[in-house]
Amino acid sequence: MKYQFDKSFWTNKYTNNATGWDIGDISTPLKEYFDQLDSKDIKILIPGAGNGYEAEYLYNNEFNNITIVDIAQQPLQNIKKRIPNFSSNNLIQSDFFEHNSKYQLIVEQTFFCALPPTLRNDYVKKMHDLLEEKGKLVGLLFDEELNTDEPPFGGSKKEYLELFSKYFNIKTLDKCYNSIKPRFGTELFFIFEKK
């Protein structure tokens, strides 16, 4: 699938160090969610992972089945540099919409807001397809209007309920109480389970 914010767009962002979304560490809401997971063997996908701090945290906490898909090569190289033993087979440079496998958990962290809003229905369907039965899509979504011409693109709780409820049971979609300071009051934490 081709769109305006393609491989060269994101490669340029990394080359020019224009990565304002990168907080340099795992986000607190996701860390706290991961700390509650029982099984270290669940199959996890992190699409559009960027520098992959969530993947690094999971890996360092003995989760052993993590796959990262990113359209740009640079962030995958950055992850490999920080985690030399991370399987190269699980660092996939590809368009997310062309990825095919099945996962029990998919982690959303600034990927949804990087996609043009015209792709949101495709995103929801693709996430549904990639999840195993009763699999979960978990992460953070912006709860504010942001840019209209380039990422990040915002949204609202009402919009997300309409968008996701056809394919997912909405387990949680609430204002984030533990966002990082610059994003406090602008994020929703969610857990969606595949219908």
Protein backbone atom coordinates (compact mmCIF):
# COMPACT_ATOMS: atom_id res chain seq x y z
CA MET A 1 0.00 0.00 0.00
CA LYS A 2 1.47 3.34 -1.03
CA TYR A 3 0.76 6.57 0.78
CA GLN A 4 2.26 10.00 1.23
CA PHE A 5 4.21 9.19 4.41
CA ASP A 6 6.25 6.36 2.95
CA LYS A 7 9.66 4.77 3.52
CA SER A 8 11.59 7.81 2.28
CA PHE A 9 9.52 10.18 4.45
CA TRP A 10 10.31 8.21 7.63
CA THR A 11 13.93 7.53 6.62
CA ASN A 12 14.41 11.29 6.27
CA LYS A 13 12.94 11.81 9.74
CA TYR A 14 15.60 9.52 11.25
CA THR A 15 18.41 10.87 9.07
CA ASN A 16 17.59 14.44 10.10
CA ASN A 17 16.99 13.49 13.74
CA ALA A 18 13.43 14.86 13.45
CA THR A 19 11.98 12.31 15.86
CA GLY A 20 9.97 14.43 18.26
CA TRP A 21 7.72 11.49 19.14
CA ASP A 22 10.69 9.55 20.55
CA ILE A 23 10.68 9.87 24.36
CA GLY A 24 13.92 7.90 24.74
CA ASP A 25 12.39 5.23 26.96
CA ILE A 26 9.35 3.03 27.39
CA SER A 27 6.17 4.98 28.16
CA THR A 28 4.93 4.49 31.71
CA PRO A 29 1.42 3.22 30.81
CA LEU A 30 2.85 0.45 28.63
CA LYS A 31 5.51 -0.47 31.20
CA GLU A 32 2.84 -0.86 33.86
CA TYR A 33 0.69 -2.95 31.52
CA PHE A 34 3.62 -5.22 30.57
CA ASP A 35 4.47 -5.70 34.25
CA GLN A 36 1.03 -7.30 34.72
CA LEU A 37 1.44 -9.89 31.94
CA ASP A 38 1.72 -13.47 33.19
CA SER A 39 3.12 -15.34 30.20
CA LYS A 40 6.57 -14.49 28.85
CA ASP A 41 5.88 -16.68 25.80
CA ILE A 42 3.06 -14.71 24.19
CA LYS A 43 3.60 -13.74 20.57
CA ILE A 44 3.91 -9.93 20.43
CA LEU A 45 3.97 -7.53 17.48
CA ILE A 46 5.07 -3.90 17.71
CA PRO A 47 4.34 -2.18 14.37
CA GLY A 48 5.89 1.17 13.52
CA ALA A 49 8.00 0.67 16.64
CA GLY A 50 10.55 3.36 15.88
CA ASN A 51 13.50 2.93 18.23
CA GLY A 52 11.58 0.20 20.03
CA TYR A 53 11.96 1.03 23.71
CA GLU A 54 8.87 -1.07 24.43
CA ALA A 55 10.50 -4.02 22.68
CA GLU A 56 13.72 -3.44 24.60
CA TYR A 57 11.86 -3.43 27.92
CA LEU A 58 10.00 -6.61 27.04
CA TYR A 59 13.18 -8.32 25.86
CA ASN A 60 15.07 -7.34 29.01
CA ASN A 61 12.19 -8.79 31.04
CA GLU A 62 12.48 -12.18 29.32
CA PHE A 63 9.62 -11.93 26.85
CA ASN A 64 11.02 -14.07 24.07
CA ASN A 65 8.66 -13.79 21.13
CA ILE A 66 8.66 -10.16 19.96
CA THR A 67 8.43 -9.03 16.34
CA ILE A 68 9.01 -5.45 15.20
CA VAL A 69 7.85 -4.11 11.84
CA ASP A 70 8.96 -0.69 10.68
CA ILE A 71 9.01 0.88 7.23
CA ALA A 72 12.39 2.54 7.85
CA GLN A 73 15.69 0.67 8.31
CA GLN A 74 17.39 3.10 10.71
CA PRO A 75 15.25 2.41 13.80
CA LEU A 76 15.68 -1.34 13.30
CA GLN A 77 19.44 -0.84 13.21
CA ASN A 78 19.21 1.27 16.35
CA ILE A 79 17.34 -1.54 18.13
CA LYS A 80 19.90 -4.12 17.02
CA LYS A 81 22.71 -1.89 18.28
CA ARG A 82 21.09 -1.61 21.72
CA ILE A 83 20.01 -5.27 21.86
CA PRO A 84 22.63 -7.27 19.89
CA ASN A 85 21.00 -10.62 20.74
CA PHE A 86 17.57 -9.60 19.46
CA SER A 87 16.76 -11.94 16.56
CA SER A 88 17.36 -10.23 13.21
CA ASN A 89 14.53 -12.36 11.80
CA ASN A 90 12.16 -10.50 14.12
CA LEU A 91 13.29 -7.04 12.97
CA ILE A 92 11.31 -6.64 9.77
CA GLN A 93 11.63 -3.69 7.44
CA SER A 94 8.32 -3.66 5.64
CA ASP A 95 5.09 -1.83 5.07
CA PHE A 96 2.88 -2.88 7.99
CA PHE A 97 -0.06 -3.48 5.64
CA GLU A 98 1.94 -6.16 3.83
CA HIS A 99 2.89 -8.04 7.00
CA ASN A 100 1.21 -11.39 7.59
CA SER A 101 1.38 -13.52 10.72
CA LYS A 102 -0.69 -14.06 13.87
CA TYR A 103 -0.11 -12.56 17.30
CA GLN A 104 -1.63 -12.71 20.76
CA LEU A 105 -0.72 -9.12 21.58
CA ILE A 106 -0.11 -6.08 19.38
CA VAL A 107 1.34 -2.96 20.99
CA GLU A 108 0.31 0.49 19.72
CA GLN A 109 2.68 3.35 20.51
CA THR A 110 2.58 6.38 18.14
CA PHE A 111 2.01 4.22 15.05
CA PHE A 112 -1.70 4.93 14.60
CA CYS A 113 -1.14 8.71 14.76
CA ALA A 114 1.65 8.44 12.15
CA LEU A 115 -0.74 7.08 9.52
CA PRO A 116 -2.93 9.35 7.41
CA PRO A 117 -6.50 9.30 8.75
CA THR A 118 -7.64 7.87 5.39
CA LEU A 119 -5.90 4.62 6.42
CA ARG A 120 -7.60 4.23 9.79
CA ASN A 121 -10.22 1.73 8.63
CA ASP A 122 -7.47 -0.29 6.94
CA TYR A 123 -5.44 -0.16 10.17
CA VAL A 124 -8.35 -1.53 12.21
CA LYS A 125 -9.01 -4.37 9.75
CA LYS A 126 -5.33 -5.26 9.51
CA MET A 127 -4.93 -5.33 13.29
CA HIS A 128 -7.96 -7.61 13.49
CA ASP A 129 -6.47 -9.92 10.84
CA LEU A 130 -3.08 -10.10 12.57
CA LEU A 131 -4.50 -11.08 15.95
CA GLU A 132 -5.27 -14.60 17.05
CA GLU A 133 -8.72 -15.32 18.44
CA LYS A 134 -9.25 -13.20 21.58
CA GLY A 135 -5.92 -11.47 20.87
CA LYS A 136 -5.45 -7.96 22.21
CA LEU A 137 -4.47 -4.63 20.72
CA VAL A 138 -3.10 -2.49 23.56
CA GLY A 139 -1.57 0.94 23.73
CA LEU A 140 -2.01 4.68 23.63
CA LEU A 141 -3.98 6.99 21.36
CA PHE A 142 -4.00 10.78 21.32
CA ASP A 143 -7.17 12.33 22.66
CA GLU A 144 -6.84 15.67 20.92
CA GLU A 145 -6.90 17.12 17.46
CA LEU A 146 -3.35 17.52 16.20
CA ASN A 147 -2.12 18.10 12.66
CA THR A 148 -4.20 17.86 9.50
CA ASP A 149 -1.35 17.81 6.97
CA GLU A 150 1.37 15.63 8.52
CA PRO A 151 1.92 13.26 11.44
CA PRO A 152 1.03 13.13 14.23
CA PHE A 153 -2.68 12.99 13.49
CA GLY A 154 -4.98 13.17 16.49
CA GLY A 155 -8.45 11.95 17.28
CA SER A 156 -11.07 11.53 19.98
CA LYS A 157 -12.53 8.84 22.19
CA LYS A 158 -15.82 9.06 20.27
CA GLU A 159 -14.05 8.53 16.96
CA TYR A 160 -12.06 5.56 18.28
CA LEU A 161 -15.17 3.88 19.68
CA GLU A 162 -16.87 4.14 16.30
CA LEU A 163 -13.77 3.00 14.45
CA PHE A 164 -12.78 -0.02 16.54
CA SER A 165 -16.03 -1.39 17.98
CA LYS A 166 -17.01 -3.24 14.79
CA TYR A 167 -13.97 -5.52 15.05
CA PHE A 168 -13.02 -5.33 18.73
CA ASN A 169 -14.56 -5.61 22.18
CA ILE A 170 -13.62 -2.38 23.95
CA LYS A 171 -12.20 -3.57 27.28
CA THR A 172 -10.60 -0.25 28.26
CA LEU A 173 -10.52 3.19 26.63
CA ASP A 174 -9.79 5.74 29.33
CA LYS A 175 -7.87 8.94 29.98
CA CYS A 176 -4.33 8.00 30.86
CA TYR A 177 -3.53 8.79 34.50
CA ASN A 178 0.20 7.97 34.15
CA SER A 179 1.24 9.61 30.88
CA ILE A 180 4.63 11.26 30.63
CA LYS A 181 4.44 14.92 31.60
CA PRO A 182 4.46 16.45 28.06
CA ARG A 183 1.52 14.20 27.05
CA PHE A 184 -0.46 14.32 30.28
CA GLY A 185 -4.16 14.86 29.64
CA THR A 186 -3.83 14.14 25.91
CA GLU A 187 -3.65 10.33 25.85
CA LEU A 188 -6.08 7.46 26.13
CA PHE A 189 -4.93 4.04 27.29
CA PHE A 190 -6.78 1.21 25.62
CA ILE A 191 -7.20 -2.55 25.58
CA PHE A 192 -9.20 -3.88 22.62
CA GLU A 193 -9.92 -7.59 22.26
CA LYS A 194 -10.51 -9.17 18.87
CA LYS A 195 -14.13 -10.13 18.27
